[in-house]
PDB file of N, CA and C in Angstrom:
ATOM      1  N   MET A   1     147.722 119.245  97.561  1.00  0.00           N
ATOM      2  CA  MET A   1     146.514 119.600  96.930  1.00  0.00           C
ATOM      3  C   MET A   1     145.346 119.817  97.819  1.00  0.00           C
ATOM      4  N   ILE A   2     145.188 119.013  98.931  1.00  0.00           N
ATOM      5  CA  ILE A   2     144.198 119.194  99.826  1.00  0.00           C
ATOM      6  C   ILE A   2     144.064 120.748 100.322  1.00  0.00           C
ATOM      7  N   GLY A   3     145.249 121.361 100.664  1.00  0.00           N
ATOM      8  CA  GLY A   3     145.437 122.621 100.884  1.00  0.00           C
ATOM      9  C   GLY A   3     144.809 123.557 100.004  1.00  0.00           C
ATOM     10  N   ALA A   4     145.092 123.364  98.843  1.00  0.00           N
ATOM     11  CA  ALA A   4     144.571 124.211  97.752  1.00  0.00           C
ATOM     12  C   ALA A   4     142.967 124.222  97.704  1.00  0.00           C
ATOM     13  N   ILE A   5     142.361 122.872  97.810  1.00  0.00           N
ATOM     14  CA  ILE A   5     141.024 122.747  97.703  1.00  0.00           C
ATOM     15  C   ILE A   5     140.318 123.502  98.850  1.00  0.00           C
ATOM     16  N   ILE A   6     140.927 123.188 100.095  1.00  0.00           N
ATOM     17  CA  ILE A   6     140.230 123.830 101.357  1.00  0.00           C
ATOM     18  C   ILE A   6     140.361 125.454 101.101  1.00  0.00           C
ATOM     19  N   ALA A   7     141.443 125.916 100.772  1.00  0.00           N
ATOM     20  CA  ALA A   7     141.713 127.405 100.593  1.00  0.00           C
ATOM     21  C   ALA A   7     140.620 128.056  99.561  1.00  0.00           C
ATOM     22  N   GLY A   8     140.386 127.263  98.437  1.00  0.00           N
ATOM     23  CA  GLY A   8     139.522 127.485  97.396  1.00  0.00           C
ATOM     24  C   GLY A   8     138.121 127.492  97.942  1.00  0.00           C
ATOM     25  N   LEU A   9     137.853 126.475  98.697  1.00  0.00           N
ATOM     26  CA  LEU A   9     136.399 126.347  99.196  1.00  0.00           C
ATOM     27  C   LEU A   9     136.038 127.617 100.227  1.00  0.00           C
ATOM     28  N   LEU A  10     137.037 127.780 101.177  1.00  0.00           N
ATOM     29  CA  LEU A  10     136.792 128.717 102.190  1.00  0.00           C
ATOM     30  C   LEU A  10     136.730 130.205 101.556  1.00  0.00           C
ATOM     31  N   SER A  11     137.755 130.526 100.657  1.00  0.00           N
ATOM     32  CA  SER A  11     137.761 131.645 100.094  1.00  0.00           C
ATOM     33  C   SER A  11     136.409 132.068  99.076  1.00  0.00           C
ATOM     34  N   GLY A  12     136.052 130.942  98.509  1.00  0.00           N
ATOM     35  CA  GLY A  12     134.633 130.820  97.760  1.00  0.00           C
ATOM     36  C   GLY A  12     133.528 131.363  98.501  1.00  0.00           C
ATOM     37  N   VAL A  13     133.488 130.742  99.650  1.00  0.00           N
ATOM     38  CA  VAL A  13     132.222 131.054 100.595  1.00  0.00           C
ATOM     39  C   VAL A  13     132.374 132.698 101.068  1.00  0.00           C
ATOM     40  N   ILE A  14     133.699 133.122 101.366  1.00  0.00           N
ATOM     41  CA  ILE A  14     133.904 134.504 101.618  1.00  0.00           C
ATOM     42  C   ILE A  14     133.534 135.454 100.369  1.00  0.00           C
ATOM     43  N   SER A  15     133.932 135.044  99.221  1.00  0.00           N
ATOM     44  CA  SER A  15     133.753 135.653  97.989  1.00  0.00           C
ATOM     45  C   SER A  15     132.261 135.808  97.827  1.00  0.00           C
ATOM     46  N   GLY A  16     131.503 134.830  98.009  1.00  0.00           N
ATOM     47  CA  GLY A  16     130.056 134.622  97.746  1.00  0.00           C
ATOM     48  C   GLY A  16     129.391 135.591  98.665  1.00  0.00           C
ATOM     49  N   MET A  17     129.914 135.894  99.915  1.00  0.00           N
ATOM     50  CA  MET A  17     129.204 136.858 100.762  1.00  0.00           C
ATOM     51  C   MET A  17     129.661 138.259 100.423  1.00  0.00           C
ATOM     52  N   GLY A  18     130.523 138.482  99.403  1.00  0.00           N
ATOM     53  CA  GLY A  18     130.844 139.711  99.072  1.00  0.00           C
ATOM     54  C   GLY A  18     132.001 140.503  99.777  1.00  0.00           C
ATOM     55  N   ILE A  19     132.707 139.610 100.723  1.00  0.00           N
ATOM     56  CA  ILE A  19     133.625 140.171 101.495  1.00  0.00           C
ATOM     57  C   ILE A  19     135.035 140.243 100.822  1.00  0.00           C
ATOM     58  N   GLY A  20     135.380 139.211  99.954  1.00  0.00           N
ATOM     59  CA  GLY A  20     136.623 139.195  99.257  1.00  0.00           C
ATOM     60  C   GLY A  20     137.397 138.073  99.628  1.00  0.00           C
ATOM     61  N   GLY A  21     137.307 136.877  98.686  1.00  0.00           N
ATOM     62  CA  GLY A  21     138.116 135.783  98.980  1.00  0.00           C
ATOM     63  C   GLY A  21     139.598 135.915  99.068  1.00  0.00           C
ATOM     64  N   GLY A  22     140.152 136.965  98.626  1.00  0.00           N
ATOM     65  CA  GLY A  22     141.526 137.040  98.645  1.00  0.00           C
ATOM     66  C   GLY A  22     142.020 137.173 100.076  1.00  0.00           C
ATOM     67  N   THR A  23     141.116 137.642 101.114  1.00  0.00           N
ATOM     68  CA  THR A  23     141.509 137.775 102.349  1.00  0.00           C
ATOM     69  C   THR A  23     141.888 136.383 103.070  1.00  0.00           C
ATOM     70  N   ILE A  24     141.485 135.243 102.544  1.00  0.00           N
ATOM     71  CA  ILE A  24     141.556 133.855 102.766  1.00  0.00           C
ATOM     72  C   ILE A  24     142.670 133.257 101.996  1.00  0.00           C
ATOM     73  N   LEU A  25     142.514 133.509 100.744  1.00  0.00           N
ATOM     74  CA  LEU A  25     143.090 132.790  99.606  1.00  0.00           C
ATOM     75  C   LEU A  25     144.725 133.165  99.569  1.00  0.00           C
ATOM     76  N   ILE A  26     145.072 134.478  99.652  1.00  0.00           N
ATOM     77  CA  ILE A  26     146.330 134.965  99.481  1.00  0.00           C
ATOM     78  C   ILE A  26     147.319 134.517 100.744  1.00  0.00           C
ATOM     79  N   PRO A  27     146.714 134.637 101.948  1.00  0.00           N
ATOM     80  CA  PRO A  27     147.550 134.160 103.035  1.00  0.00           C
ATOM     81  C   PRO A  27     147.623 132.558 103.094  1.00  0.00           C
ATOM     82  N   SER A  28     146.607 131.981 102.552  1.00  0.00           N
ATOM     83  CA  SER A  28     146.606 130.422 102.443  1.00  0.00           C
ATOM     84  C   SER A  28     147.757 130.040 101.546  1.00  0.00           C
ATOM     85  N   LEU A  29     147.732 130.690 100.545  1.00  0.00           N
ATOM     86  CA  LEU A  29     148.654 130.307  99.344  1.00  0.00           C
ATOM     87  C   LEU A  29     150.160 130.519  99.830  1.00  0.00           C
ATOM     88  N   THR A  30     150.368 131.737 100.514  1.00  0.00           N
ATOM     89  CA  THR A  30     151.671 132.003 100.942  1.00  0.00           C
ATOM     90  C   THR A  30     152.155 131.223 102.088  1.00  0.00           C
ATOM     91  N   MET A  31     151.409 131.032 103.074  1.00  0.00           N
ATOM     92  CA  MET A  31     151.747 130.473 104.340  1.00  0.00           C
ATOM     93  C   MET A  31     151.625 128.960 104.336  1.00  0.00           C
ATOM     94  N   PHE A  32     150.627 128.399 103.810  1.00  0.00           N
ATOM     95  CA  PHE A  32     150.374 126.797 103.875  1.00  0.00           C
ATOM     96  C   PHE A  32     150.983 126.166 102.614  1.00  0.00           C
ATOM     97  N   LEU A  33     150.863 126.941 101.432  1.00  0.00           N
ATOM     98  CA  LEU A  33     151.186 126.227 100.086  1.00  0.00           C
ATOM     99  C   LEU A  33     152.710 126.885  99.711  1.00  0.00           C
ATOM    100  N   HIS A  34     153.230 127.808 100.318  1.00  0.00           N
ATOM    101  CA  HIS A  34     154.534 128.411 100.100  1.00  0.00           C
ATOM    102  C   HIS A  34     154.773 128.927  98.730  1.00  0.00           C
ATOM    103  N   ILE A  35     153.666 129.592  98.312  1.00  0.00           N
ATOM    104  CA  ILE A  35     153.769 130.184  96.917  1.00  0.00           C
ATOM    105  C   ILE A  35     154.072 131.599  97.295  1.00  0.00           C
ATOM    106  N   GLY A  36     155.030 132.264  96.349  1.00  0.00           N
ATOM    107  CA  GLY A  36     155.256 133.636  96.575  1.00  0.00           C
ATOM    108  C   GLY A  36     154.226 134.597  96.481  1.00  0.00           C
ATOM    109  N   GLN A  37     154.408 135.802  97.206  1.00  0.00           N
ATOM    110  CA  GLN A  37     153.342 136.838  97.281  1.00  0.00           C
ATOM    111  C   GLN A  37     152.899 137.324  95.866  1.00  0.00           C
ATOM    112  N   HIS A  38     153.784 137.540  94.947  1.00  0.00           N
ATOM    113  CA  HIS A  38     153.293 137.957  93.569  1.00  0.00           C
ATOM    114  C   HIS A  38     152.482 136.788  92.871  1.00  0.00           C
ATOM    115  N   GLU A  39     152.957 135.638  92.914  1.00  0.00           N
ATOM    116  CA  GLU A  39     152.176 134.624  92.325  1.00  0.00           C
ATOM    117  C   GLU A  39     150.754 134.330  93.045  1.00  0.00           C
ATOM    118  N   ALA A  40     150.800 134.587  94.332  1.00  0.00           N
ATOM    119  CA  ALA A  40     149.473 134.298  94.933  1.00  0.00           C
ATOM    120  C   ALA A  40     148.604 135.275  94.805  1.00  0.00           C
ATOM    121  N   GLN A  41     149.062 136.612  94.571  1.00  0.00           N
ATOM    122  CA  GLN A  41     148.015 137.735  94.171  1.00  0.00           C
ATOM    123  C   GLN A  41     147.572 137.380  92.722  1.00  0.00           C
ATOM    124  N   GLY A  42     148.443 136.955  91.805  1.00  0.00           N
ATOM    125  CA  GLY A  42     148.018 136.614  90.434  1.00  0.00           C
ATOM    126  C   GLY A  42     147.070 135.521  90.495  1.00  0.00           C
ATOM    127  N   VAL A  43     147.218 134.331  91.200  1.00  0.00           N
ATOM    128  CA  VAL A  43     146.362 133.247  91.434  1.00  0.00           C
ATOM    129  C   VAL A  43     145.023 133.933  91.752  1.00  0.00           C
ATOM    130  N   ASN A  44     144.986 134.784  92.968  1.00  0.00           N
ATOM    131  CA  ASN A  44     143.879 135.353  93.408  1.00  0.00           C
ATOM    132  C   ASN A  44     142.997 136.091  92.311  1.00  0.00           C
ATOM    133  N   LEU A  45     143.693 136.889  91.608  1.00  0.00           N
ATOM    134  CA  LEU A  45     142.999 137.589  90.463  1.00  0.00           C
ATOM    135  C   LEU A  45     142.289 136.627  89.546  1.00  0.00           C
ATOM    136  N   LEU A  46     143.105 135.651  88.997  1.00  0.00           N
ATOM    137  CA  LEU A  46     142.442 134.645  88.039  1.00  0.00           C
ATOM    138  C   LEU A  46     141.215 133.960  88.722  1.00  0.00           C
ATOM    139  N   TYR A  47     141.365 133.515  90.001  1.00  0.00           N
ATOM    140  CA  TYR A  47     140.375 132.866  90.737  1.00  0.00           C
ATOM    141  C   TYR A  47     139.216 133.710  90.992  1.00  0.00           C
ATOM    142  N   PHE A  48     139.359 135.024  91.157  1.00  0.00           N
ATOM    143  CA  PHE A  48     138.324 135.941  91.287  1.00  0.00           C
ATOM    144  C   PHE A  48     137.290 136.068  90.178  1.00  0.00           C
ATOM    145  N   LEU A  49     137.793 135.979  88.993  1.00  0.00           N
ATOM    146  CA  LEU A  49     136.888 136.048  87.721  1.00  0.00           C
ATOM    147  C   LEU A  49     135.674 135.090  87.852  1.00  0.00           C
ATOM    148  N   PRO A  50     135.750 133.905  87.789  1.00  0.00           N
ATOM    149  CA  PRO A  50     134.651 132.939  87.898  1.00  0.00           C
ATOM    150  C   PRO A  50     133.902 132.976  89.157  1.00  0.00           C
ATOM    151  N   THR A  51     134.497 133.275  90.350  1.00  0.00           N
ATOM    152  CA  THR A  51     133.738 133.324  91.484  1.00  0.00           C
ATOM    153  C   THR A  51     133.004 134.629  91.659  1.00  0.00           C
ATOM    154  N   ALA A  52     133.623 135.743  91.139  1.00  0.00           N
ATOM    155  CA  ALA A  52     132.868 136.997  90.996  1.00  0.00           C
ATOM    156  C   ALA A  52     131.682 136.815  90.198  1.00  0.00           C
ATOM    157  N   ALA A  53     131.813 136.298  88.926  1.00  0.00           N
ATOM    158  CA  ALA A  53     130.720 136.108  88.046  1.00  0.00           C
ATOM    159  C   ALA A  53     129.475 135.517  88.670  1.00  0.00           C
ATOM    160  N   ILE A  54     129.773 134.275  89.380  1.00  0.00           N
ATOM    161  CA  ILE A  54     128.701 133.600  90.017  1.00  0.00           C
ATOM    162  C   ILE A  54     128.116 134.401  91.066  1.00  0.00           C
ATOM    163  N   SER A  55     128.892 134.839  91.936  1.00  0.00           N
ATOM    164  CA  SER A  55     128.364 135.872  92.978  1.00  0.00           C
ATOM    165  C   SER A  55     127.505 137.033  92.554  1.00  0.00           C
ATOM    166  N   LEU A  56     128.030 137.538  91.467  1.00  0.00           N
ATOM    167  CA  LEU A  56     127.336 138.722  90.887  1.00  0.00           C
ATOM    168  C   LEU A  56     125.953 138.212  90.408  1.00  0.00           C
ATOM    169  N   TRP A  57     126.017 137.216  89.665  1.00  0.00           N
ATOM    170  CA  TRP A  57     124.588 136.504  89.108  1.00  0.00           C
ATOM    171  C   TRP A  57     123.555 136.345  90.311  1.00  0.00           C
ATOM    172  N   VAL A  58     123.979 135.825  91.445  1.00  0.00           N
ATOM    173  CA  VAL A  58     123.341 135.522  92.535  1.00  0.00           C
ATOM    174  C   VAL A  58     122.656 136.903  93.222  1.00  0.00           C
ATOM    175  N   HIS A  59     123.755 137.802  93.382  1.00  0.00           N
ATOM    176  CA  HIS A  59     123.270 138.993  93.997  1.00  0.00           C
ATOM    177  C   HIS A  59     122.336 140.002  93.011  1.00  0.00           C
ATOM    178  N   ILE A  60     122.523 139.882  91.835  1.00  0.00           N
ATOM    179  CA  ILE A  60     121.453 140.497  90.800  1.00  0.00           C
ATOM    180  C   ILE A  60     120.254 139.898  90.867  1.00  0.00           C
ATOM    181  N   LYS A  61     120.149 138.501  90.965  1.00  0.00           N
ATOM    182  CA  LYS A  61     118.937 137.697  91.014  1.00  0.00           C
ATOM    183  C   LYS A  61     118.228 138.056  92.207  1.00  0.00           C
ATOM    184  N   ASN A  62     118.885 138.433  93.429  1.00  0.00           N
ATOM    185  CA  ASN A  62     118.449 138.891  94.636  1.00  0.00           C
ATOM    186  C   ASN A  62     118.099 140.272  94.802  1.00  0.00           C
ATOM    187  N   LYS A  63     118.367 141.045  93.670  1.00  0.00           N
ATOM    188  CA  LYS A  63     118.038 142.505  93.461  1.00  0.00           C
ATOM    189  C   LYS A  63     118.943 143.238  94.553  1.00  0.00           C
ATOM    190  N   SER A  64     120.107 142.810  94.686  1.00  0.00           N
ATOM    191  CA  SER A  64     121.048 143.697  95.659  1.00  0.00           C
ATOM    192  C   SER A  64     122.210 144.260  95.022  1.00  0.00           C
ATOM    193  N   VAL A  65     121.868 144.758  93.875  1.00  0.00           N
ATOM    194  CA  VAL A  65     123.052 145.505  93.105  1.00  0.00           C
ATOM    195  C   VAL A  65     122.353 146.754  92.726  1.00  0.00           C
ATOM    196  N   ASN A  66     122.994 147.952  92.987  1.00  0.00           N
ATOM    197  CA  ASN A  66     122.834 149.209  92.669  1.00  0.00           C
ATOM    198  C   ASN A  66     123.583 149.551  91.266  1.00  0.00           C
ATOM    199  N   PHE A  67     122.955 149.349  90.021  1.00  0.00           N
ATOM    200  CA  PHE A  67     123.895 149.464  89.028  1.00  0.00           C
ATOM    201  C   PHE A  67     124.226 150.980  88.704  1.00  0.00           C
ATOM    202  N   ARG A  68     123.509 151.843  89.184  1.00  0.00           N
ATOM    203  CA  ARG A  68     123.755 153.199  88.924  1.00  0.00           C
ATOM    204  C   ARG A  68     125.045 153.624  89.801  1.00  0.00           C
ATOM    205  N   LEU A  69     125.245 153.196  91.056  1.00  0.00           N
ATOM    206  CA  LEU A  69     126.337 153.343  91.803  1.00  0.00           C
ATOM    207  C   LEU A  69     127.587 152.591  91.307  1.00  0.00           C
ATOM    208  N   CYS A  70     127.332 151.546  90.575  1.00  0.00           N
ATOM    209  CA  CYS A  70     128.524 150.485  90.177  1.00  0.00           C
ATOM    210  C   CYS A  70     129.209 151.201  89.066  1.00  0.00           C
ATOM    211  N   VAL A  71     128.639 152.102  88.284  1.00  0.00           N
ATOM    212  CA  VAL A  71     129.347 152.666  86.991  1.00  0.00           C
ATOM    213  C   VAL A  71     130.647 153.454  87.327  1.00  0.00           C
ATOM    214  N   PRO A  72     130.468 154.462  88.270  1.00  0.00           N
ATOM    215  CA  PRO A  72     131.719 155.165  88.687  1.00  0.00           C
ATOM    216  C   PRO A  72     132.634 154.383  89.454  1.00  0.00           C
ATOM    217  N   ILE A  73     132.236 153.456  90.174  1.00  0.00           N
ATOM    218  CA  ILE A  73     133.093 152.507  90.942  1.00  0.00           C
ATOM    219  C   ILE A  73     134.000 151.653  90.108  1.00  0.00           C
ATOM    220  N   ILE A  74     133.201 151.197  89.024  1.00  0.00           N
ATOM    221  CA  ILE A  74     133.970 150.186  88.087  1.00  0.00           C
ATOM    222  C   ILE A  74     135.097 151.081  87.326  1.00  0.00           C
ATOM    223  N   LEU A  75     134.675 152.179  86.715  1.00  0.00           N
ATOM    224  CA  LEU A  75     135.516 153.112  85.922  1.00  0.00           C
ATOM    225  C   LEU A  75     136.722 153.481  86.756  1.00  0.00           C
ATOM    226  N   PHE A  76     136.636 153.967  87.974  1.00  0.00           N
ATOM    227  CA  PHE A  76     137.704 154.207  88.777  1.00  0.00           C
ATOM    228  C   PHE A  76     138.522 153.089  89.329  1.00  0.00           C
ATOM    229  N   GLY A  77     137.872 152.117  89.568  1.00  0.00           N
ATOM    230  CA  GLY A  77     138.259 150.752  89.951  1.00  0.00           C
ATOM    231  C   GLY A  77     139.419 150.226  88.857  1.00  0.00           C
ATOM    232  N   LEU A  78     138.950 150.397  87.649  1.00  0.00           N
ATOM    233  CA  LEU A  78     139.914 149.982  86.467  1.00  0.00           C
ATOM    234  C   LEU A  78     141.122 150.924  86.585  1.00  0.00           C
ATOM    235  N   LEU A  79     140.923 151.994  86.784  1.00  0.00           N
ATOM    236  CA  LEU A  79     142.162 152.919  86.949  1.00  0.00           C
ATOM    237  C   LEU A  79     143.121 152.469  88.031  1.00  0.00           C
ATOM    238  N   GLY A  80     142.458 152.176  89.161  1.00  0.00           N
ATOM    239  CA  GLY A  80     143.118 151.883  90.313  1.00  0.00           C
ATOM    240  C   GLY A  80     143.832 150.437  90.041  1.00  0.00           C
ATOM    241  N   ALA A  81     143.217 149.600  89.409  1.00  0.00           N
ATOM    242  CA  ALA A  81     143.672 148.278  89.083  1.00  0.00           C
ATOM    243  C   ALA A  81     144.903 148.203  88.267  1.00  0.00           C
ATOM    244  N   VAL A  82     145.010 149.187  87.160  1.00  0.00           N
ATOM    245  CA  VAL A  82     146.265 149.401  86.407  1.00  0.00           C
ATOM    246  C   VAL A  82     147.247 149.820  87.167  1.00  0.00           C
ATOM    247  N   GLY A  83     146.907 151.072  88.050  1.00  0.00           N
ATOM    248  CA  GLY A  83     147.946 151.676  88.831  1.00  0.00           C
ATOM    249  C   GLY A  83     148.579 150.629  89.920  1.00  0.00           C
ATOM    250  N   GLY A  84     147.727 149.872  90.531  1.00  0.00           N
ATOM    251  CA  GLY A  84     148.164 148.777  91.541  1.00  0.00           C
ATOM    252  C   GLY A  84     148.719 147.676  90.959  1.00  0.00           C
ATOM    253  N   ALA A  85     148.429 147.196  89.738  1.00  0.00           N
ATOM    254  CA  ALA A  85     149.310 146.094  89.193  1.00  0.00           C
ATOM    255  C   ALA A  85     150.694 146.750  88.840  1.00  0.00           C
ATOM    256  N   LEU A  86     150.775 147.844  88.305  1.00  0.00           N
ATOM    257  CA  LEU A  86     152.000 148.447  87.981  1.00  0.00           C
ATOM    258  C   LEU A  86     152.916 148.538  89.237  1.00  0.00           C
ATOM    259  N   LEU A  87     152.328 149.060  90.324  1.00  0.00           N
ATOM    260  CA  LEU A  87     152.921 149.131  91.464  1.00  0.00           C
ATOM    261  C   LEU A  87     153.439 147.834  92.186  1.00  0.00           C
ATOM    262  N   ALA A  88     152.568 146.796  92.122  1.00  0.00           N
ATOM    263  CA  ALA A  88     152.815 145.530  92.723  1.00  0.00           C
ATOM    264  C   ALA A  88     153.954 145.071  91.881  1.00  0.00           C
ATOM    265  N   GLY A  89     154.237 145.331  90.473  1.00  0.00           N
ATOM    266  CA  GLY A  89     155.101 144.781  89.808  1.00  0.00           C
ATOM    267  C   GLY A  89     156.511 145.331  90.110  1.00  0.00           C
ATOM    268  N   VAL A  90     156.549 146.472  90.754  1.00  0.00           N
ATOM    269  CA  VAL A  90     157.920 146.818  91.096  1.00  0.00           C
ATOM    270  C   VAL A  90     158.168 146.735  92.665  1.00  0.00           C
ATOM    271  N   LEU A  91     157.232 146.483  93.471  1.00  0.00           N
ATOM    272  CA  LEU A  91     157.630 146.209  94.683  1.00  0.00           C
ATOM    273  C   LEU A  91     158.143 144.964  95.187  1.00  0.00           C
ATOM    274  N   LYS A  92     158.904 144.684  96.050  1.00  0.00           N
ATOM    275  CA  LYS A  92     159.577 143.508  96.423  1.00  0.00           C
ATOM    276  C   LYS A  92     158.422 142.701  97.141  1.00  0.00           C
ATOM    277  N   ALA A  93     158.610 141.417  97.065  1.00  0.00           N
ATOM    278  CA  ALA A  93     157.552 140.628  97.771  1.00  0.00           C
ATOM    279  C   ALA A  93     157.263 140.787  99.113  1.00  0.00           C
ATOM    280  N   LYS A  94     158.500 140.808  99.829  1.00  0.00           N
ATOM    281  CA  LYS A  94     158.367 141.190 101.263  1.00  0.00           C
ATOM    282  C   LYS A  94     157.620 142.232 101.700  1.00  0.00           C
ATOM    283  N   LEU A  95     157.907 143.384 100.941  1.00  0.00           N
ATOM    284  CA  LEU A  95     157.130 144.684 101.242  1.00  0.00           C
ATOM    285  C   LEU A  95     155.687 144.593 100.789  1.00  0.00           C
ATOM    286  N   LEU A  96     155.457 143.940  99.592  1.00  0.00           N
ATOM    287  CA  LEU A  96     154.089 143.711  99.206  1.00  0.00           C
ATOM    288  C   LEU A  96     153.314 142.897 100.342  1.00  0.00           C
ATOM    289  N   ARG A  97     153.821 141.718 100.807  1.00  0.00           N
ATOM    290  CA  ARG A  97     153.278 140.992 101.813  1.00  0.00           C
ATOM    291  C   ARG A  97     152.935 141.772 103.088  1.00  0.00           C
ATOM    292  N   ARG A  98     153.900 142.576 103.539  1.00  0.00           N
ATOM    293  CA  ARG A  98     153.559 143.553 104.664  1.00  0.00           C
ATOM    294  C   ARG A  98     152.488 144.414 104.338  1.00  0.00           C
ATOM    295  N   LEU A  99     152.527 145.115 103.124  1.00  0.00           N
ATOM    296  CA  LEU A  99     151.437 145.993 102.949  1.00  0.00           C
ATOM    297  C   LEU A  99     149.926 145.300 103.011  1.00  0.00           C
ATOM    298  N   PHE A 100     150.062 144.161 102.407  1.00  0.00           N
ATOM    299  CA  PHE A 100     148.734 143.440 102.343  1.00  0.00           C
ATOM    300  C   PHE A 100     148.460 143.028 103.806  1.00  0.00           C
ATOM    301  N   GLY A 101     149.354 142.722 104.716  1.00  0.00           N
ATOM    302  CA  GLY A 101     149.119 142.452 105.981  1.00  0.00           C
ATOM    303  C   GLY A 101     148.440 143.606 106.903  1.00  0.00           C
ATOM    304  N   VAL A 102     149.187 144.796 106.507  1.00  0.00           N
ATOM    305  CA  VAL A 102     148.716 145.948 107.200  1.00  0.00           C
ATOM    306  C   VAL A 102     147.207 146.254 106.728  1.00  0.00           C
ATOM    307  N   PHE A 103     146.956 146.010 105.453  1.00  0.00           N
ATOM    308  CA  PHE A 103     145.546 146.366 104.920  1.00  0.00           C
ATOM    309  C   PHE A 103     144.619 145.483 105.584  1.00  0.00           C
ATOM    310  N   LEU A 104     145.007 144.155 105.747  1.00  0.00           N
ATOM    311  CA  LEU A 104     144.051 143.304 106.421  1.00  0.00           C
ATOM    312  C   LEU A 104     143.763 143.410 107.947  1.00  0.00           C
ATOM    313  N   LEU A 105     144.866 143.983 108.539  1.00  0.00           N
ATOM    314  CA  LEU A 105     144.832 144.391 110.096  1.00  0.00           C
ATOM    315  C   LEU A 105     143.793 145.601 110.242  1.00  0.00           C
ATOM    316  N   ALA A 106     144.019 146.522 109.216  1.00  0.00           N
ATOM    317  CA  ALA A 106     143.349 147.728 109.338  1.00  0.00           C
ATOM    318  C   ALA A 106     141.867 147.499 109.065  1.00  0.00           C
ATOM    319  N   MET A 107     141.501 146.682 108.021  1.00  0.00           N
ATOM    320  CA  MET A 107     140.068 146.335 107.752  1.00  0.00           C
ATOM    321  C   MET A 107     139.413 145.630 108.861  1.00  0.00           C
ATOM    322  N   GLY A 108     140.324 144.665 109.403  1.00  0.00           N
ATOM    323  CA  GLY A 108     139.838 143.820 110.452  1.00  0.00           C
ATOM    324  C   GLY A 108     139.343 144.837 111.686  1.00  0.00           C
ATOM    325  N   SER A 109     140.504 145.552 112.015  1.00  0.00           N
ATOM    326  CA  SER A 109     140.212 146.394 113.119  1.00  0.00           C
ATOM    327  C   SER A 109     139.023 147.331 112.905  1.00  0.00           C
ATOM    328  N   TYR A 110     138.931 147.907 111.701  1.00  0.00           N
ATOM    329  CA  TYR A 110     137.755 148.663 111.441  1.00  0.00           C
ATOM    330  C   TYR A 110     136.439 148.009 111.616  1.00  0.00           C
ATOM    331  N   GLU A 111     136.334 146.871 111.149  1.00  0.00           N
ATOM    332  CA  GLU A 111     135.135 145.935 111.198  1.00  0.00           C
ATOM    333  C   GLU A 111     134.749 145.643 112.603  1.00  0.00           C
ATOM    334  N   ILE A 112     135.953 145.430 113.596  1.00  0.00           N
ATOM    335  CA  ILE A 112     135.663 145.077 114.903  1.00  0.00           C
ATOM    336  C   ILE A 112     135.176 146.313 115.786  1.00  0.00           C
ATOM    337  N   LEU A 113     135.747 147.467 115.461  1.00  0.00           N
ATOM    338  CA  LEU A 113     135.481 148.650 116.244  1.00  0.00           C
ATOM    339  C   LEU A 113     134.425 149.502 115.648  1.00  0.00           C
ATOM    340  N   LYS A 114     134.013 149.458 114.464  1.00  0.00           N
ATOM    341  CA  LYS A 114     132.932 150.217 114.006  1.00  0.00           C
ATOM    342  C   LYS A 114     131.628 150.166 114.835  1.00  0.00           C
ATOM    343  N   LYS A 115     131.041 151.229 114.834  1.00  0.00           N
ATOM    344  CA  LYS A 115     129.636 151.126 115.596  1.00  0.00           C
ATOM    345  C   LYS A 115     128.742 150.733 114.659  1.00  0.00           C
ATOM    346  N   GLU A 116     127.694 149.933 115.317  1.00  0.00           N
ATOM    347  CA  GLU A 116     126.724 149.364 114.378  1.00  0.00           C
ATOM    348  C   GLU A 116     125.695 150.240 114.023  1.00  0.00           C
ATOM    349  N   LYS A 117     125.261 150.481 112.858  1.00  0.00           N
ATOM    350  CA  LYS A 117     124.283 151.309 112.379  1.00  0.00           C
ATOM    351  C   LYS A 117     123.086 150.484 112.030  1.00  0.00           C
ATOM    352  N   ASN A 118     121.926 151.091 111.996  1.00  0.00           N
ATOM    353  CA  ASN A 118     120.726 150.481 111.525  1.00  0.00           C
ATOM    354  C   ASN A 118     120.837 149.860 110.128  1.00  0.00           C
ATOM    355  N   SER A 119     120.462 148.579 109.996  1.00  0.00           N
ATOM    356  CA  SER A 119     120.687 147.857 108.732  1.00  0.00           C
ATOM    357  C   SER A 119     119.343 147.588 108.224  1.00  0.00           C
ATOM    358  N   LYS A 120     119.301 147.594 106.707  1.00  0.00           N
ATOM    359  CA  LYS A 120     118.049 147.075 106.205  1.00  0.00           C
ATOM    360  C   LYS A 120     117.679 145.790 106.346  1.00  0.00           C
ATOM    361  N   LYS A 121     118.594 144.898 106.559  1.00  0.00           N
ATOM    362  CA  LYS A 121     118.420 143.383 106.529  1.00  0.00           C
ATOM    363  C   LYS A 121     118.628 142.813 107.969  1.00  0.00           C
ATOM    364  N   ASP A 122     118.368 143.700 109.160  1.00  0.00           N
ATOM    365  CA  ASP A 122     118.377 143.140 110.535  1.00  0.00           C
ATOM    366  C   ASP A 122     117.372 142.157 110.744  1.00  0.00           C
TER     367      ASP A 122
END
């Protein structure tokens, strides 16, 4: 139970920053709590709803949400979510876990190697 509490807390901090708590939660659930990949992703999706709602509220309050940009992203994100859920349902857990790992490595590498651009909040 302590592992679940720590995973929830750390992924909540990451979610609140807008990075995506699943990057912490899914590996924590599979490696330390020995939950299957499909179940971990399902837990992550359910976990995401309340944490996203709170994070969104804070970001709206801080005026850091571009609503005009959100509409097409949300619409196509819903399409992608249906496709991704259907695809995840037919993939074997081992392949799904590897694809998720490759995604995390690619995103991490990108963040490490990208050139810094001028930021509004420096």
